Amino acid sequence: MEAVETFDVDNLSVEIHYDDSCQDFEEEFDNDEDSSVIICTWERSSTVSKHNPFVEPEDAAAFAKKHKRVLYDLWKYEHGNVAYRAGETGDRPGYPFTCQFDSGQVGYVLVKEEAKEWAGMELLEFANNHLEYFSDWCNGNVYGYIIRDADGEELDSCWGFIGFENVKDSATGQANSLSDHLPRQLELDMEEG
């Protein structure tokens, strides 16, 4: 398994790899009444279409009104990879892409109104953060890391990070923590041995 990126933290080597078990995350994007964000698409071939809880677009709008959800248009851009974004509803006022080819409205995004309070951001931004995470998963941007010592021995690993920045930040933090504690652990091991 070849690393996507390798870098050093002090005397430790960090390898970032693709995580081939990314299909295990599908349940993370299940849409149910309690979800803070519900993604609804009427595309037949979409990964999320089988999780769509609504039969017709009108059903999604009625649910949003009844359950105090903000309804946004769901836009998709697909050209090699796929990107989903939310935009204001209406006649293209919230079109979120610069290219008008290979894209279009494919459904709705429903966001709980109270998410603004606990997320600390505007609802459209909250929806788009969720959709960025979802787009990463759709594109297979799921990673893991391995941390090795100077002899190449594996000290730690962790898998299942969606998004490259998420895995890199976590791996760097863990490597820093290991680097800080490794000298003390070696001293303890030598005292016991």
N, C-alpha and C. Protein backbone atom coordinates (compact mmCIF):
# COMPACT_ATOMS: atom_id res chain seq x y z
N MET A 1 0.85 -1.17 0.00
CA MET A 1 0.00 0.00 0.00
C MET A 1 0.90 1.24 0.00
N GLU A 2 0.78 2.01 -1.04
CA GLU A 2 1.61 3.20 -1.21
C GLU A 2 0.97 4.40 -0.52
N ALA A 3 1.80 5.18 0.17
CA ALA A 3 1.31 6.36 0.89
C ALA A 3 0.95 7.47 -0.10
N VAL A 4 -0.09 8.21 0.23
CA VAL A 4 -0.49 9.40 -0.52
C VAL A 4 0.48 10.53 -0.22
N GLU A 5 0.87 10.61 1.05
CA GLU A 5 1.83 11.62 1.49
C GLU A 5 2.58 11.09 2.69
N THR A 6 3.84 11.44 2.77
CA THR A 6 4.68 11.09 3.92
C THR A 6 5.38 12.36 4.40
N PHE A 7 5.41 12.54 5.72
CA PHE A 7 6.12 13.69 6.28
C PHE A 7 6.65 13.32 7.66
N ASP A 8 7.59 14.10 8.14
CA ASP A 8 8.22 13.83 9.44
C ASP A 8 7.71 14.81 10.48
N VAL A 9 7.57 14.29 11.69
CA VAL A 9 7.30 15.09 12.87
C VAL A 9 8.38 14.69 13.87
N ASP A 10 9.31 15.59 14.10
CA ASP A 10 10.50 15.29 14.91
C ASP A 10 11.18 14.05 14.33
N ASN A 11 11.33 13.00 15.11
CA ASN A 11 12.01 11.81 14.61
C ASN A 11 11.03 10.71 14.17
N LEU A 12 9.78 11.07 14.01
CA LEU A 12 8.76 10.12 13.59
C LEU A 12 8.37 10.35 12.14
N SER A 13 7.99 9.29 11.47
CA SER A 13 7.53 9.38 10.09
C SER A 13 6.02 9.14 10.06
N VAL A 14 5.30 9.99 9.36
CA VAL A 14 3.85 9.86 9.24
C VAL A 14 3.51 9.55 7.79
N GLU A 15 2.74 8.49 7.59
CA GLU A 15 2.27 8.10 6.26
C GLU A 15 0.76 8.27 6.22
N ILE A 16 0.28 8.91 5.16
CA ILE A 16 -1.16 9.02 4.96
C ILE A 16 -1.52 8.14 3.77
N HIS A 17 -2.54 7.30 3.95
CA HIS A 17 -2.97 6.34 2.94
C HIS A 17 -4.47 6.51 2.67
N TYR A 18 -4.88 6.10 1.46
CA TYR A 18 -6.32 6.00 1.20
C TYR A 18 -6.89 4.88 2.04
N ASP A 19 -8.10 5.06 2.52
CA ASP A 19 -8.81 4.03 3.27
C ASP A 19 -9.83 3.40 2.33
N ASP A 20 -9.57 2.17 1.94
CA ASP A 20 -10.44 1.48 0.98
C ASP A 20 -11.77 1.05 1.57
N SER A 21 -11.97 1.21 2.86
CA SER A 21 -13.23 0.81 3.47
C SER A 21 -14.23 1.96 3.54
N CYS A 22 -14.08 2.93 2.63
CA CYS A 22 -14.93 4.13 2.70
C CYS A 22 -16.41 3.82 2.55
N GLN A 23 -16.78 2.67 1.98
CA GLN A 23 -18.20 2.35 1.86
C GLN A 23 -18.82 2.15 3.24
N ASP A 24 -17.99 1.90 4.25
CA ASP A 24 -18.51 1.72 5.60
C ASP A 24 -19.14 2.99 6.17
N PHE A 25 -18.94 4.11 5.53
CA PHE A 25 -19.45 5.38 6.04
C PHE A 25 -20.83 5.72 5.51
N GLU A 26 -21.37 4.86 4.68
CA GLU A 26 -22.65 5.18 4.05
C GLU A 26 -23.73 5.48 5.08
N GLU A 27 -23.76 4.74 6.19
CA GLU A 27 -24.79 4.98 7.21
C GLU A 27 -24.64 6.35 7.85
N GLU A 28 -23.46 6.95 7.76
CA GLU A 28 -23.26 8.28 8.32
C GLU A 28 -24.11 9.32 7.58
N PHE A 29 -24.47 9.03 6.35
CA PHE A 29 -25.26 9.97 5.56
C PHE A 29 -26.70 9.52 5.40
N ASP A 30 -27.15 8.58 6.26
CA ASP A 30 -28.56 8.20 6.23
C ASP A 30 -29.40 9.41 6.59
N ASN A 31 -30.50 9.56 5.90
CA ASN A 31 -31.40 10.67 6.16
C ASN A 31 -32.57 10.17 6.98
N ASP A 32 -32.73 10.72 8.17
CA ASP A 32 -33.92 10.41 8.95
C ASP A 32 -34.41 11.68 9.61
N GLU A 33 -35.54 11.58 10.28
CA GLU A 33 -36.18 12.76 10.86
C GLU A 33 -35.28 13.50 11.84
N ASP A 34 -34.38 12.80 12.50
CA ASP A 34 -33.53 13.43 13.51
C ASP A 34 -32.24 14.02 12.94
N SER A 35 -31.92 13.76 11.69
CA SER A 35 -30.70 14.28 11.10
C SER A 35 -30.74 15.81 11.07
N SER A 36 -29.60 16.43 11.37
CA SER A 36 -29.55 17.89 11.32
C SER A 36 -29.58 18.38 9.88
N VAL A 37 -29.07 17.55 8.95
CA VAL A 37 -29.11 17.86 7.52
C VAL A 37 -29.67 16.65 6.79
N ILE A 38 -30.67 16.88 5.97
CA ILE A 38 -31.22 15.81 5.14
C ILE A 38 -30.94 16.16 3.68
N ILE A 39 -30.27 15.24 2.98
CA ILE A 39 -29.95 15.43 1.57
C ILE A 39 -30.96 14.64 0.75
N CYS A 40 -31.67 15.32 -0.12
CA CYS A 40 -32.69 14.68 -0.96
C CYS A 40 -32.32 14.88 -2.42
N THR A 41 -32.15 13.80 -3.14
CA THR A 41 -31.90 13.90 -4.56
C THR A 41 -32.81 12.93 -5.30
N TRP A 42 -33.21 13.35 -6.49
CA TRP A 42 -34.06 12.50 -7.30
C TRP A 42 -33.30 11.93 -8.48
N GLU A 43 -32.00 11.97 -8.40
CA GLU A 43 -31.16 11.32 -9.41
C GLU A 43 -31.25 9.81 -9.19
N ARG A 44 -31.40 9.08 -10.24
CA ARG A 44 -31.52 7.63 -10.09
C ARG A 44 -30.19 6.96 -9.77
N SER A 45 -29.10 7.50 -10.29
CA SER A 45 -27.81 6.83 -10.12
C SER A 45 -26.98 7.39 -8.97
N SER A 46 -27.53 8.30 -8.20
CA SER A 46 -26.77 8.92 -7.12
C SER A 46 -26.65 7.98 -5.93
N THR A 47 -25.51 8.06 -5.26
CA THR A 47 -25.27 7.27 -4.06
C THR A 47 -26.30 7.56 -2.99
N VAL A 48 -26.68 8.80 -2.86
CA VAL A 48 -27.60 9.19 -1.79
C VAL A 48 -29.07 8.98 -2.16
N SER A 49 -29.38 8.74 -3.44
CA SER A 49 -30.78 8.63 -3.84
C SER A 49 -31.51 7.50 -3.14
N LYS A 50 -30.81 6.42 -2.81
CA LYS A 50 -31.48 5.31 -2.13
C LYS A 50 -31.80 5.66 -0.68
N HIS A 51 -31.23 6.74 -0.16
CA HIS A 51 -31.51 7.18 1.20
C HIS A 51 -32.54 8.32 1.24
N ASN A 52 -33.05 8.69 0.09
CA ASN A 52 -34.00 9.79 0.03
C ASN A 52 -35.30 9.37 0.71
N PRO A 53 -35.71 10.06 1.78
CA PRO A 53 -36.92 9.68 2.49
C PRO A 53 -38.22 10.20 1.83
N PHE A 54 -38.10 10.93 0.74
CA PHE A 54 -39.27 11.55 0.12
C PHE A 54 -39.47 11.01 -1.30
N VAL A 55 -40.72 10.84 -1.67
CA VAL A 55 -41.05 10.33 -3.00
C VAL A 55 -41.02 11.47 -4.03
N GLU A 56 -41.57 12.60 -3.67
CA GLU A 56 -41.67 13.75 -4.58
C GLU A 56 -41.05 14.99 -3.94
N PRO A 57 -40.59 15.93 -4.75
CA PRO A 57 -40.04 17.18 -4.20
C PRO A 57 -41.02 17.90 -3.27
N GLU A 58 -42.29 17.83 -3.58
CA GLU A 58 -43.31 18.49 -2.75
C GLU A 58 -43.34 17.90 -1.34
N ASP A 59 -43.05 16.59 -1.23
CA ASP A 59 -43.01 15.94 0.08
C ASP A 59 -41.90 16.53 0.95
N ALA A 60 -40.75 16.80 0.34
CA ALA A 60 -39.63 17.39 1.06
C ALA A 60 -39.99 18.80 1.53
N ALA A 61 -40.63 19.57 0.68
CA ALA A 61 -41.02 20.94 1.04
C ALA A 61 -42.05 20.93 2.17
N ALA A 62 -43.00 20.02 2.12
CA ALA A 62 -44.02 19.91 3.17
C ALA A 62 -43.38 19.49 4.50
N PHE A 63 -42.45 18.55 4.44
CA PHE A 63 -41.74 18.09 5.64
C PHE A 63 -40.96 19.25 6.25
N ALA A 64 -40.27 20.02 5.40
CA ALA A 64 -39.47 21.15 5.88
C ALA A 64 -40.35 22.16 6.61
N LYS A 65 -41.49 22.45 6.06
CA LYS A 65 -42.40 23.42 6.67
C LYS A 65 -42.94 22.90 8.00
N LYS A 66 -43.34 21.64 8.02
CA LYS A 66 -43.94 21.04 9.21
C LYS A 66 -42.93 20.88 10.35
N HIS A 67 -41.67 20.57 10.02
CA HIS A 67 -40.68 20.26 11.04
C HIS A 67 -39.63 21.35 11.24
N LYS A 68 -39.96 22.57 10.85
CA LYS A 68 -39.09 23.73 11.05
C LYS A 68 -37.70 23.50 10.49
N ARG A 69 -37.67 23.19 9.22
CA ARG A 69 -36.42 23.01 8.49
C ARG A 69 -36.31 24.11 7.44
N VAL A 70 -35.09 24.53 7.19
CA VAL A 70 -34.86 25.48 6.11
C VAL A 70 -34.54 24.66 4.87
N LEU A 71 -35.21 25.00 3.78
CA LEU A 71 -35.08 24.26 2.53
C LEU A 71 -34.16 25.02 1.59
N TYR A 72 -33.11 24.33 1.12
CA TYR A 72 -32.18 24.89 0.14
C TYR A 72 -32.19 24.00 -1.09
N ASP A 73 -31.86 24.60 -2.22
CA ASP A 73 -31.66 23.80 -3.43
C ASP A 73 -30.36 23.02 -3.29
N LEU A 74 -30.37 21.78 -3.77
CA LEU A 74 -29.17 20.96 -3.82
C LEU A 74 -28.64 21.00 -5.24
N TRP A 75 -27.40 21.48 -5.38
CA TRP A 75 -26.74 21.59 -6.67
C TRP A 75 -25.61 20.59 -6.76
N LYS A 76 -25.38 20.08 -7.95
CA LYS A 76 -24.32 19.11 -8.16
C LYS A 76 -23.50 19.52 -9.37
N TYR A 77 -22.18 19.47 -9.21
CA TYR A 77 -21.25 19.68 -10.31
C TYR A 77 -20.47 18.39 -10.45
N GLU A 78 -20.47 17.82 -11.65
CA GLU A 78 -19.76 16.57 -11.86
C GLU A 78 -18.93 16.65 -13.13
N HIS A 79 -17.64 16.60 -12.92
CA HIS A 79 -16.70 16.59 -14.04
C HIS A 79 -15.45 15.88 -13.54
N GLY A 80 -15.42 14.59 -13.66
CA GLY A 80 -14.36 13.78 -13.06
C GLY A 80 -14.71 13.43 -11.64
N ASN A 81 -14.71 14.39 -10.76
CA ASN A 81 -15.19 14.24 -9.39
C ASN A 81 -16.54 14.91 -9.28
N VAL A 82 -17.13 14.81 -8.12
CA VAL A 82 -18.44 15.40 -7.90
C VAL A 82 -18.35 16.39 -6.74
N ALA A 83 -19.10 17.47 -6.84
CA ALA A 83 -19.20 18.45 -5.75
C ALA A 83 -20.67 18.78 -5.55
N TYR A 84 -21.12 18.70 -4.31
CA TYR A 84 -22.49 19.09 -3.96
C TYR A 84 -22.41 20.40 -3.18
N ARG A 85 -23.36 21.28 -3.45
CA ARG A 85 -23.45 22.56 -2.74
C ARG A 85 -24.93 22.90 -2.56
N ALA A 86 -25.20 23.67 -1.54
CA ALA A 86 -26.55 24.16 -1.28
C ALA A 86 -26.62 25.62 -1.72
N GLY A 87 -27.80 26.03 -2.17
CA GLY A 87 -28.03 27.41 -2.56
C GLY A 87 -29.44 27.82 -2.21
N GLU A 88 -29.66 29.11 -2.15
CA GLU A 88 -31.01 29.61 -1.87
C GLU A 88 -31.98 29.06 -2.91
N THR A 89 -33.20 28.78 -2.48
CA THR A 89 -34.20 28.24 -3.40
C THR A 89 -34.73 29.33 -4.32
N GLY A 90 -35.25 28.91 -5.44
CA GLY A 90 -35.81 29.84 -6.41
C GLY A 90 -35.22 29.61 -7.77
N ASP A 91 -35.41 30.57 -8.64
CA ASP A 91 -34.96 30.43 -10.03
C ASP A 91 -33.49 30.80 -10.16
N ARG A 92 -32.60 29.91 -9.76
CA ARG A 92 -31.15 30.00 -9.84
C ARG A 92 -30.51 31.15 -9.04
N PRO A 93 -31.16 31.69 -7.99
CA PRO A 93 -30.47 32.77 -7.27
C PRO A 93 -29.30 32.26 -6.44
N GLY A 94 -29.31 30.98 -6.08
CA GLY A 94 -28.26 30.46 -5.23
C GLY A 94 -27.30 29.55 -5.97
N TYR A 95 -27.17 29.73 -7.30
CA TYR A 95 -26.30 28.86 -8.08
C TYR A 95 -24.87 28.99 -7.54
N PRO A 96 -24.29 27.89 -7.00
CA PRO A 96 -23.03 28.01 -6.26
C PRO A 96 -21.74 27.75 -7.04
N PHE A 97 -21.83 27.46 -8.34
CA PHE A 97 -20.63 27.11 -9.10
C PHE A 97 -20.32 28.20 -10.13
N THR A 98 -19.07 28.29 -10.53
CA THR A 98 -18.69 29.27 -11.54
C THR A 98 -18.93 28.74 -12.95
N CYS A 99 -18.86 27.43 -13.10
CA CYS A 99 -19.08 26.81 -14.42
C CYS A 99 -20.54 26.40 -14.55
N GLN A 100 -21.17 26.76 -15.65
CA GLN A 100 -22.58 26.42 -15.82
C GLN A 100 -22.77 25.12 -16.59
N PHE A 101 -21.67 24.46 -16.93
CA PHE A 101 -21.76 23.18 -17.61
C PHE A 101 -21.53 22.07 -16.58
N ASP A 102 -22.01 20.89 -16.86
CA ASP A 102 -21.82 19.72 -16.00
C ASP A 102 -22.40 19.91 -14.61
N SER A 103 -23.41 20.75 -14.49
CA SER A 103 -23.99 21.01 -13.17
C SER A 103 -25.48 21.30 -13.31
N GLY A 104 -26.16 21.22 -12.19
CA GLY A 104 -27.58 21.55 -12.16
C GLY A 104 -28.17 21.23 -10.80
N GLN A 105 -29.41 21.65 -10.61
CA GLN A 105 -30.10 21.36 -9.37
C GLN A 105 -30.57 19.91 -9.42
N VAL A 106 -30.29 19.16 -8.35
CA VAL A 106 -30.63 17.74 -8.33
C VAL A 106 -31.53 17.36 -7.16
N GLY A 107 -31.90 18.32 -6.33
CA GLY A 107 -32.75 18.01 -5.19
C GLY A 107 -32.79 19.15 -4.20
N TYR A 108 -32.97 18.77 -2.94
CA TYR A 108 -33.05 19.73 -1.84
C TYR A 108 -32.15 19.31 -0.69
N VAL A 109 -31.81 20.30 0.12
CA VAL A 109 -31.13 20.07 1.39
C VAL A 109 -32.02 20.71 2.46
N LEU A 110 -32.35 19.93 3.48
CA LEU A 110 -33.19 20.41 4.58
C LEU A 110 -32.33 20.50 5.83
N VAL A 111 -32.33 21.67 6.48
CA VAL A 111 -31.47 21.89 7.64
C VAL A 111 -32.34 22.30 8.83
N LYS A 112 -32.08 21.69 9.99
CA LYS A 112 -32.80 22.06 11.20
C LYS A 112 -32.51 23.52 11.54
N GLU A 113 -33.57 24.27 11.86
CA GLU A 113 -33.39 25.69 12.19
C GLU A 113 -32.50 25.90 13.41
N GLU A 114 -32.63 25.01 14.42
CA GLU A 114 -31.84 25.18 15.64
C GLU A 114 -30.35 24.90 15.44
N ALA A 115 -29.97 24.37 14.29
CA ALA A 115 -28.54 24.12 14.01
C ALA A 115 -27.74 25.42 14.05
N LYS A 116 -28.39 26.54 13.71
CA LYS A 116 -27.69 27.83 13.73
C LYS A 116 -27.17 28.16 15.12
N GLU A 117 -27.96 27.81 16.14
CA GLU A 117 -27.57 28.12 17.51
C GLU A 117 -26.39 27.26 17.97
N TRP A 118 -26.48 25.93 17.79
CA TRP A 118 -25.42 25.08 18.32
C TRP A 118 -24.23 24.93 17.37
N ALA A 119 -24.40 25.24 16.09
CA ALA A 119 -23.27 25.15 15.15
C ALA A 119 -22.46 26.45 15.12
N GLY A 120 -23.09 27.55 15.52
CA GLY A 120 -22.39 28.83 15.55
C GLY A 120 -22.09 29.39 14.18
N MET A 121 -22.94 29.08 13.20
CA MET A 121 -22.75 29.60 11.85
C MET A 121 -24.11 29.69 11.17
N GLU A 122 -24.13 30.41 10.06
CA GLU A 122 -25.37 30.52 9.29
C GLU A 122 -25.75 29.15 8.74
N LEU A 123 -27.04 28.93 8.54
CA LEU A 123 -27.51 27.62 8.11
C LEU A 123 -27.00 27.21 6.73
N LEU A 124 -26.90 28.16 5.81
CA LEU A 124 -26.39 27.83 4.48
C LEU A 124 -24.93 27.38 4.57
N GLU A 125 -24.15 28.05 5.39
CA GLU A 125 -22.76 27.65 5.60
C GLU A 125 -22.69 26.27 6.25
N PHE A 126 -23.56 26.02 7.23
CA PHE A 126 -23.62 24.72 7.89
C PHE A 126 -23.97 23.62 6.88
N ALA A 127 -24.96 23.88 6.03
CA ALA A 127 -25.34 22.91 5.00
C ALA A 127 -24.18 22.63 4.05
N ASN A 128 -23.49 23.67 3.63
CA ASN A 128 -22.38 23.49 2.69
C ASN A 128 -21.18 22.80 3.33
N ASN A 129 -20.96 23.01 4.63
CA ASN A 129 -19.90 22.25 5.32
C ASN A 129 -20.23 20.76 5.31
N HIS A 130 -21.49 20.44 5.56
CA HIS A 130 -21.93 19.04 5.53
C HIS A 130 -21.80 18.47 4.12
N LEU A 131 -22.16 19.26 3.12
CA LEU A 131 -22.08 18.78 1.74
C LEU A 131 -20.63 18.65 1.26
N GLU A 132 -19.74 19.46 1.78
CA GLU A 132 -18.32 19.31 1.44
C GLU A 132 -17.80 17.98 1.97
N TYR A 133 -18.17 17.68 3.19
CA TYR A 133 -17.82 16.40 3.81
C TYR A 133 -18.41 15.25 3.00
N PHE A 134 -19.67 15.39 2.61
CA PHE A 134 -20.35 14.37 1.80
C PHE A 134 -19.67 14.22 0.44
N SER A 135 -19.31 15.32 -0.19
CA SER A 135 -18.63 15.28 -1.49
C SER A 135 -17.29 14.56 -1.38
N ASP A 136 -16.55 14.84 -0.29
CA ASP A 136 -15.28 14.13 -0.08
C ASP A 136 -15.52 12.62 -0.03
N TRP A 137 -16.54 12.20 0.71
CA TRP A 137 -16.84 10.78 0.81
C TRP A 137 -17.22 10.20 -0.56
N CYS A 138 -18.08 10.91 -1.30
CA CYS A 138 -18.49 10.44 -2.63
C CYS A 138 -17.29 10.26 -3.57
N ASN A 139 -16.29 11.11 -3.42
CA ASN A 139 -15.10 11.06 -4.27
C ASN A 139 -14.03 10.10 -3.75
N GLY A 140 -14.31 9.42 -2.66
CA GLY A 140 -13.34 8.47 -2.11
C GLY A 140 -12.21 9.12 -1.35
N ASN A 141 -12.41 10.35 -0.91
CA ASN A 141 -11.38 11.06 -0.13
C ASN A 141 -11.48 10.65 1.34
N VAL A 142 -11.21 9.36 1.57
CA VAL A 142 -11.23 8.77 2.90
C VAL A 142 -9.83 8.21 3.17
N TYR A 143 -9.28 8.54 4.33
CA TYR A 143 -7.87 8.27 4.59
C TYR A 143 -7.63 7.65 5.96
N GLY A 144 -6.42 7.18 6.12
CA GLY A 144 -5.91 6.73 7.40
C GLY A 144 -4.45 7.11 7.50
N TYR A 145 -3.89 6.96 8.68
CA TYR A 145 -2.47 7.26 8.83
C TYR A 145 -1.75 6.17 9.61
N ILE A 146 -0.46 6.10 9.39
CA ILE A 146 0.44 5.22 10.14
C ILE A 146 1.60 6.07 10.61
N ILE A 147 1.95 5.95 11.88
CA ILE A 147 3.09 6.68 12.44
C ILE A 147 4.16 5.64 12.78
N ARG A 148 5.36 5.89 12.28
CA ARG A 148 6.49 4.96 12.49
C ARG A 148 7.64 5.68 13.20
N ASP A 149 8.40 4.90 13.95
CA ASP A 149 9.60 5.46 14.58
C ASP A 149 10.76 5.45 13.59
N ALA A 150 11.94 5.86 14.05
CA ALA A 150 13.10 5.96 13.17
C ALA A 150 13.54 4.61 12.60
N ASP A 151 13.17 3.52 13.26
CA ASP A 151 13.50 2.18 12.78
C ASP A 151 12.43 1.61 11.86
N GLY A 152 11.38 2.37 11.61
CA GLY A 152 10.30 1.90 10.73
C GLY A 152 9.24 1.09 11.44
N GLU A 153 9.34 0.99 12.77
CA GLU A 153 8.35 0.24 13.53
C GLU A 153 7.07 1.06 13.69
N GLU A 154 5.93 0.44 13.46
CA GLU A 154 4.64 1.13 13.58
C GLU A 154 4.32 1.40 15.04
N LEU A 155 4.09 2.67 15.35
CA LEU A 155 3.75 3.08 16.70
C LEU A 155 2.25 3.29 16.88
N ASP A 156 1.61 3.75 15.83
CA ASP A 156 0.18 4.05 15.91
C ASP A 156 -0.39 4.12 14.51
N SER A 157 -1.69 3.89 14.42
CA SER A 157 -2.41 4.09 13.15
C SER A 157 -3.87 4.36 13.46
N CYS A 158 -4.52 5.01 12.55
CA CYS A 158 -5.94 5.29 12.71
C CYS A 158 -6.52 5.48 11.31
N TRP A 159 -7.76 5.02 11.10
CA TRP A 159 -8.38 5.02 9.77
C TRP A 159 -9.78 5.61 9.83
N GLY A 160 -10.28 5.96 8.68
CA GLY A 160 -11.66 6.42 8.59
C GLY A 160 -11.85 7.92 8.65
N PHE A 161 -10.88 8.68 8.16
CA PHE A 161 -11.00 10.13 8.14
C PHE A 161 -11.53 10.57 6.78
N ILE A 162 -12.60 11.31 6.79
CA ILE A 162 -13.14 11.85 5.54
C ILE A 162 -12.55 13.24 5.35
N GLY A 163 -11.85 13.43 4.23
CA GLY A 163 -11.20 14.70 3.92
C GLY A 163 -9.73 14.68 4.28
N PHE A 164 -8.90 15.13 3.34
CA PHE A 164 -7.45 15.07 3.53
C PHE A 164 -6.98 15.93 4.70
N GLU A 165 -7.52 17.13 4.83
CA GLU A 165 -7.09 18.02 5.92
C GLU A 165 -7.41 17.40 7.28
N ASN A 166 -8.54 16.69 7.38
CA ASN A 166 -8.90 16.05 8.65
C ASN A 166 -7.87 15.01 9.07
N VAL A 167 -7.45 14.15 8.12
CA VAL A 167 -6.48 13.12 8.47
C VAL A 167 -5.11 13.73 8.75
N LYS A 168 -4.72 14.73 7.98
CA LYS A 168 -3.40 15.33 8.18
C LYS A 168 -3.32 16.03 9.53
N ASP A 169 -4.37 16.76 9.90
CA ASP A 169 -4.39 17.44 11.21
C ASP A 169 -4.33 16.43 12.35
N SER A 170 -5.12 15.38 12.25
CA SER A 170 -5.15 14.37 13.30
C SER A 170 -3.82 13.63 13.41
N ALA A 171 -3.26 13.24 12.27
CA ALA A 171 -1.98 12.52 12.26
C ALA A 171 -0.86 13.39 12.84
N THR A 172 -0.85 14.65 12.47
CA THR A 172 0.17 15.57 12.98
C THR A 172 0.04 15.73 14.49
N GLY A 173 -1.19 15.92 14.95
CA GLY A 173 -1.42 16.04 16.40
C GLY A 173 -1.00 14.80 17.16
N GLN A 174 -1.34 13.63 16.63
CA GLN A 174 -0.97 12.38 17.29
C GLN A 174 0.54 12.17 17.28
N ALA A 175 1.18 12.48 16.15
CA ALA A 175 2.64 12.35 16.06
C ALA A 175 3.33 13.30 17.04
N ASN A 176 2.82 14.53 17.17
CA ASN A 176 3.39 15.46 18.15
C ASN A 176 3.24 14.92 19.56
N SER A 177 2.07 14.36 19.86
CA SER A 177 1.83 13.80 21.19
C SER A 177 2.77 12.62 21.46
N LEU A 178 2.91 11.73 20.47
CA LEU A 178 3.82 10.60 20.63
C LEU A 178 5.26 11.07 20.79
N SER A 179 5.65 12.06 20.02
CA SER A 179 7.01 12.58 20.09
C SER A 179 7.30 13.18 21.45
N ASP A 180 6.31 13.86 22.03
CA ASP A 180 6.46 14.46 23.36
C ASP A 180 6.59 13.40 24.45
N HIS A 181 5.85 12.32 24.32
CA HIS A 181 5.80 11.30 25.37
C HIS A 181 6.77 10.13 25.16
N LEU A 182 7.27 9.97 23.95
CA LEU A 182 8.14 8.84 23.63
C LEU A 182 9.43 8.83 24.46
N PRO A 183 10.13 9.95 24.62
CA PRO A 183 11.36 9.91 25.43
C PRO A 183 11.09 9.45 26.87
N ARG A 184 10.02 9.92 27.47
CA ARG A 184 9.68 9.53 28.85
C ARG A 184 9.33 8.05 28.91
N GLN A 185 8.58 7.55 27.91
CA GLN A 185 8.22 6.14 27.87
C GLN A 185 9.46 5.26 27.73
N LEU A 186 10.41 5.69 26.91
CA LEU A 186 11.65 4.94 26.75
C LEU A 186 12.43 4.88 28.07
N GLU A 187 12.43 5.98 28.82
CA GLU A 187 13.09 6.00 30.13
C GLU A 187 12.43 5.00 31.07
N LEU A 188 11.09 4.99 31.09
CA LEU A 188 10.37 4.06 31.96
C LEU A 188 10.65 2.62 31.56
N ASP A 189 10.67 2.35 30.25
CA ASP A 189 10.94 1.00 29.76
C ASP A 189 12.36 0.55 30.18
N MET A 190 13.33 1.46 30.11
CA MET A 190 14.71 1.13 30.47
C MET A 190 14.81 0.88 31.98
N GLU A 191 14.08 1.64 32.81
CA GLU A 191 14.08 1.45 34.25
C GLU A 191 13.51 0.10 34.62
N GLU A 192 12.43 -0.32 33.91
CA GLU A 192 11.79 -1.60 34.18
C GLU A 192 12.66 -2.76 33.69
N GLY A 193 13.40 -2.56 32.60
CA GLY A 193 14.19 -3.62 31.96
C GLY A 193 15.47 -3.78 32.63
